[in-house]
Amino acid sequence: MPDSLAALAVLSQALRTALLVGGVALSAVAALDWAVRTRRLNPFGGVARFMRARVDPRLASIERQVSRVGGQPANTPWWGLLAYVVCAMLAIALFDTLLGAAGTLAQASSLGALGLLSLAVDWVVGFLRFALLVRVVASFIPTLRYRRGVSWSFGATEWMLRPLRAVIPTFGVMDITPLVAYFALGIVGWLVQTVLLASVR
């Protein structure tokens, strides 16, 4: 397992390097395309023809979005670069999360069944707390509640908020049960982890 973790760490570094190189290359392409679109470069030159033939078709969907919100189509290359940066950051965060989970799993498996059970409790508590955060954010934007990417958080947390609402009063329009549940989950998770780790020792 340590060898696998070392290989994943090397792969993570390679991913960061590849995304950085890709970002630098795309920055140069975006600058050239923007210069062509704003006529800072000869629109009839070889560079301009290459951009119109090879780059602009790949930016067509982004250009439609930019135009739809009232942006300048000439700025499309920069919006494309921004989209790349956001996706690259998400990819790095996801890979680092998986790498951290693999390391935690390796450490927990070395403690046997109770270690794995402790890890499962930790992951369940983390998932439920994340779901509570998503639900709270969505509650401030009512149109988000019924979207597929958000509605799961209501289903995942309603079972623990309903009994809390029966005993905790609301303060005007503010429902504090998600906050109470968030901290209660932390306490329950800590108690379970303490008992399990004490059993291992």
Protein backbone atom coordinates (compact mmCIF):
# COMPACT_ATOMS: atom_id res chain seq x y z
CA MET A 1 0.00 0.00 0.00
CA PRO A 2 2.79 2.54 0.75
CA ASP A 3 4.17 1.91 -2.76
CA SER A 4 0.72 2.61 -4.21
CA LEU A 5 0.46 5.84 -2.23
CA ALA A 6 3.89 6.92 -3.43
CA ALA A 7 2.85 6.21 -7.03
CA LEU A 8 -0.33 8.25 -6.54
CA ALA A 9 1.71 11.13 -5.10
CA VAL A 10 3.97 11.07 -8.17
CA LEU A 11 0.90 10.95 -10.41
CA SER A 12 -0.57 13.93 -8.54
CA GLN A 13 2.59 15.96 -9.15
CA ALA A 14 2.60 14.94 -12.83
CA LEU A 15 -1.05 16.02 -13.12
CA ARG A 16 -0.25 19.43 -11.63
CA THR A 17 2.68 19.89 -14.01
CA ALA A 18 0.63 18.84 -17.04
CA LEU A 19 -2.23 21.18 -16.12
CA LEU A 20 0.21 24.05 -15.56
CA VAL A 21 1.86 23.49 -18.95
CA GLY A 22 -1.59 23.26 -20.54
CA GLY A 23 -2.61 26.49 -18.84
CA VAL A 24 0.47 28.33 -20.10
CA ALA A 25 -0.13 27.05 -23.65
CA LEU A 26 -3.80 28.00 -23.52
CA SER A 27 -2.89 31.45 -22.21
CA ALA A 28 -0.77 32.02 -25.30
CA VAL A 29 -3.56 30.75 -27.57
CA ALA A 30 -6.13 32.91 -25.79
CA ALA A 31 -3.93 35.99 -26.14
CA LEU A 32 -3.46 35.36 -29.88
CA ASP A 33 -7.15 34.66 -30.47
CA TRP A 34 -8.13 37.77 -28.54
CA ALA A 35 -5.65 39.82 -30.59
CA VAL A 36 -7.19 38.47 -33.79
CA ARG A 37 -10.75 39.12 -32.60
CA THR A 38 -9.92 42.70 -31.59
CA ARG A 39 -7.96 43.25 -34.85
CA ARG A 40 -4.70 43.87 -33.07
CA LEU A 41 -3.32 41.29 -35.49
CA ASN A 42 -3.93 41.30 -39.24
CA PRO A 43 -7.33 39.56 -39.63
CA PHE A 44 -6.22 38.20 -43.02
CA GLY A 45 -2.85 36.82 -41.91
CA GLY A 46 -1.89 33.21 -41.39
CA VAL A 47 -2.35 33.37 -37.60
CA ALA A 48 -5.85 34.79 -37.96
CA ARG A 49 -6.83 32.13 -40.49
CA PHE A 50 -5.49 29.40 -38.20
CA MET A 51 -7.42 30.78 -35.22
CA ARG A 52 -10.67 31.01 -37.17
CA ALA A 53 -10.25 27.50 -38.54
CA ARG A 54 -8.91 25.63 -35.49
CA VAL A 55 -9.61 27.59 -32.30
CA ASP A 56 -12.84 29.54 -32.78
CA PRO A 57 -15.00 26.46 -33.55
CA ARG A 58 -13.92 24.95 -30.21
CA LEU A 59 -14.95 28.14 -28.41
CA ALA A 60 -18.35 28.38 -30.10
CA SER A 61 -20.34 27.08 -27.11
CA ILE A 62 -18.54 29.44 -24.72
CA GLU A 63 -19.07 32.34 -27.13
CA ARG A 64 -22.81 31.63 -27.18
CA GLN A 65 -22.90 31.75 -23.37
CA VAL A 66 -20.91 34.99 -23.30
CA SER A 67 -23.24 36.60 -25.86
CA ARG A 68 -26.32 35.36 -24.01
CA VAL A 69 -25.35 37.21 -20.84
CA GLY A 70 -24.44 40.38 -22.74
CA GLY A 71 -20.66 39.95 -22.77
CA GLN A 72 -18.30 40.89 -25.57
CA PRO A 73 -17.66 37.97 -27.98
CA ALA A 74 -14.09 39.25 -28.38
CA ASN A 75 -13.44 38.27 -24.74
CA THR A 76 -14.45 34.65 -25.35
CA PRO A 77 -10.84 33.35 -25.32
CA TRP A 78 -10.33 34.72 -21.82
CA TRP A 79 -13.58 33.13 -20.63
CA GLY A 80 -12.41 29.85 -22.15
CA LEU A 81 -9.11 30.17 -20.28
CA LEU A 82 -11.00 30.89 -17.05
CA ALA A 83 -13.12 27.77 -17.59
CA TYR A 84 -9.93 25.74 -18.04
CA VAL A 85 -8.43 27.15 -14.82
CA VAL A 86 -11.59 26.33 -12.84
CA CYS A 87 -11.73 22.79 -14.25
CA ALA A 88 -8.01 22.29 -13.57
CA MET A 89 -8.41 23.42 -9.96
CA LEU A 90 -11.38 21.08 -9.50
CA ALA A 91 -9.41 18.19 -11.01
CA ILE A 92 -6.48 18.82 -8.65
CA ALA A 93 -8.80 19.12 -5.64
CA LEU A 94 -10.58 15.88 -6.58
CA PHE A 95 -7.33 13.99 -7.08
CA ASP A 96 -5.91 15.31 -3.80
CA THR A 97 -9.12 14.27 -2.04
CA LEU A 98 -8.83 10.77 -3.48
CA LEU A 99 -5.15 10.64 -2.51
CA GLY A 100 -5.99 11.72 1.04
CA ALA A 101 -8.79 9.15 1.22
CA ALA A 102 -6.41 6.41 0.03
CA GLY A 103 -3.89 7.40 2.71
CA THR A 104 -6.56 7.44 5.40
CA LEU A 105 -7.86 4.07 4.19
CA ALA A 106 -4.37 2.58 4.38
CA GLN A 107 -3.90 3.90 7.91
CA ALA A 108 -7.33 2.65 9.00
CA SER A 109 -6.82 -0.80 7.48
CA SER A 110 -3.63 -1.19 9.52
CA LEU A 111 -5.82 -0.98 12.65
CA GLY A 112 -8.08 -3.82 11.50
CA ALA A 113 -11.86 -3.96 11.39
CA LEU A 114 -12.35 -1.31 14.07
CA GLY A 115 -10.08 1.07 12.16
CA LEU A 116 -12.16 0.59 9.00
CA LEU A 117 -15.35 1.07 11.01
CA SER A 118 -13.92 4.29 12.46
CA LEU A 119 -13.10 5.48 8.94
CA ALA A 120 -16.62 4.65 7.73
CA VAL A 121 -18.11 6.68 10.60
CA ASP A 122 -15.81 9.58 9.74
CA TRP A 123 -16.85 9.50 6.07
CA VAL A 124 -20.58 9.26 6.88
CA VAL A 125 -20.36 12.21 9.28
CA GLY A 126 -18.39 14.20 6.70
CA PHE A 127 -20.95 13.44 3.99
CA LEU A 128 -23.89 14.44 6.19
CA ARG A 129 -22.22 17.68 7.27
CA PHE A 130 -21.47 18.51 3.63
CA ALA A 131 -25.12 17.78 2.75
CA LEU A 132 -26.24 20.15 5.52
CA LEU A 133 -24.02 22.92 4.13
CA VAL A 134 -25.41 22.39 0.61
CA ARG A 135 -28.95 22.47 2.01
CA VAL A 136 -28.36 25.71 3.92
CA VAL A 137 -26.89 27.44 0.86
CA ALA A 138 -29.78 26.19 -1.30
CA SER A 139 -32.33 27.47 1.22
CA PHE A 140 -31.23 31.04 0.45
CA ILE A 141 -31.83 30.47 -3.29
CA PRO A 142 -35.26 28.81 -3.53
CA THR A 143 -34.92 27.92 -7.22
CA LEU A 144 -31.94 25.68 -6.39
CA ARG A 145 -33.90 23.40 -4.07
CA TYR A 146 -35.49 21.35 -6.84
CA ARG A 147 -32.41 21.02 -9.03
CA ARG A 148 -30.98 17.52 -9.28
CA GLY A 149 -27.55 18.60 -8.12
CA VAL A 150 -28.94 20.02 -4.86
CA SER A 151 -32.18 18.15 -4.07
CA TRP A 152 -30.24 15.12 -2.80
CA SER A 153 -29.06 17.16 0.20
CA PHE A 154 -32.66 17.58 1.39
CA GLY A 155 -33.31 13.85 1.18
CA ALA A 156 -30.04 13.05 2.95
CA THR A 157 -30.68 15.35 5.92
CA GLU A 158 -34.44 15.61 6.42
CA TRP A 159 -34.52 12.47 8.59
CA MET A 160 -32.41 14.16 11.28
CA LEU A 161 -33.84 17.67 10.99
CA ARG A 162 -37.51 16.68 11.35
CA PRO A 163 -37.21 15.48 14.98
CA LEU A 164 -35.05 18.48 15.85
CA ARG A 165 -37.76 20.86 14.58
CA ALA A 166 -40.18 19.27 17.04
CA VAL A 167 -38.08 20.42 20.02
CA ILE A 168 -36.18 23.47 18.74
CA PRO A 169 -38.25 26.60 18.09
CA THR A 170 -37.65 28.76 15.02
CA PHE A 171 -36.45 32.33 15.46
CA GLY A 172 -38.75 34.29 13.16
CA VAL A 173 -38.12 32.86 9.71
CA MET A 174 -34.75 31.39 10.73
CA ASP A 175 -34.53 27.64 11.19
CA ILE A 176 -31.44 26.83 13.26
CA THR A 177 -31.90 23.05 13.20
CA PRO A 178 -29.30 22.56 10.40
CA LEU A 179 -26.75 24.40 12.55
CA VAL A 180 -27.62 22.28 15.60
CA ALA A 181 -27.45 19.10 13.51
CA TYR A 182 -24.07 20.13 12.06
CA PHE A 183 -22.46 20.49 15.49
CA ALA A 184 -24.31 17.45 16.88
CA LEU A 185 -22.89 15.32 14.08
CA GLY A 186 -19.41 16.52 14.96
CA ILE A 187 -19.91 15.57 18.62
CA VAL A 188 -21.42 12.16 17.78
CA GLY A 189 -18.63 11.44 15.32
CA TRP A 190 -15.99 12.39 17.89
CA LEU A 191 -17.60 10.20 20.59
CA VAL A 192 -17.83 7.19 18.26
CA GLN A 193 -14.24 7.68 17.07
CA THR A 194 -13.01 7.94 20.67
CA VAL A 195 -14.76 4.71 21.69
CA LEU A 196 -13.56 2.82 18.61
CA LEU A 197 -9.95 3.98 18.89
CA ALA A 198 -9.93 3.20 22.60
CA SER A 199 -11.07 -0.35 21.73
CA VAL A 200 -8.19 -0.69 19.25
CA ARG A 201 -5.68 0.30 21.90
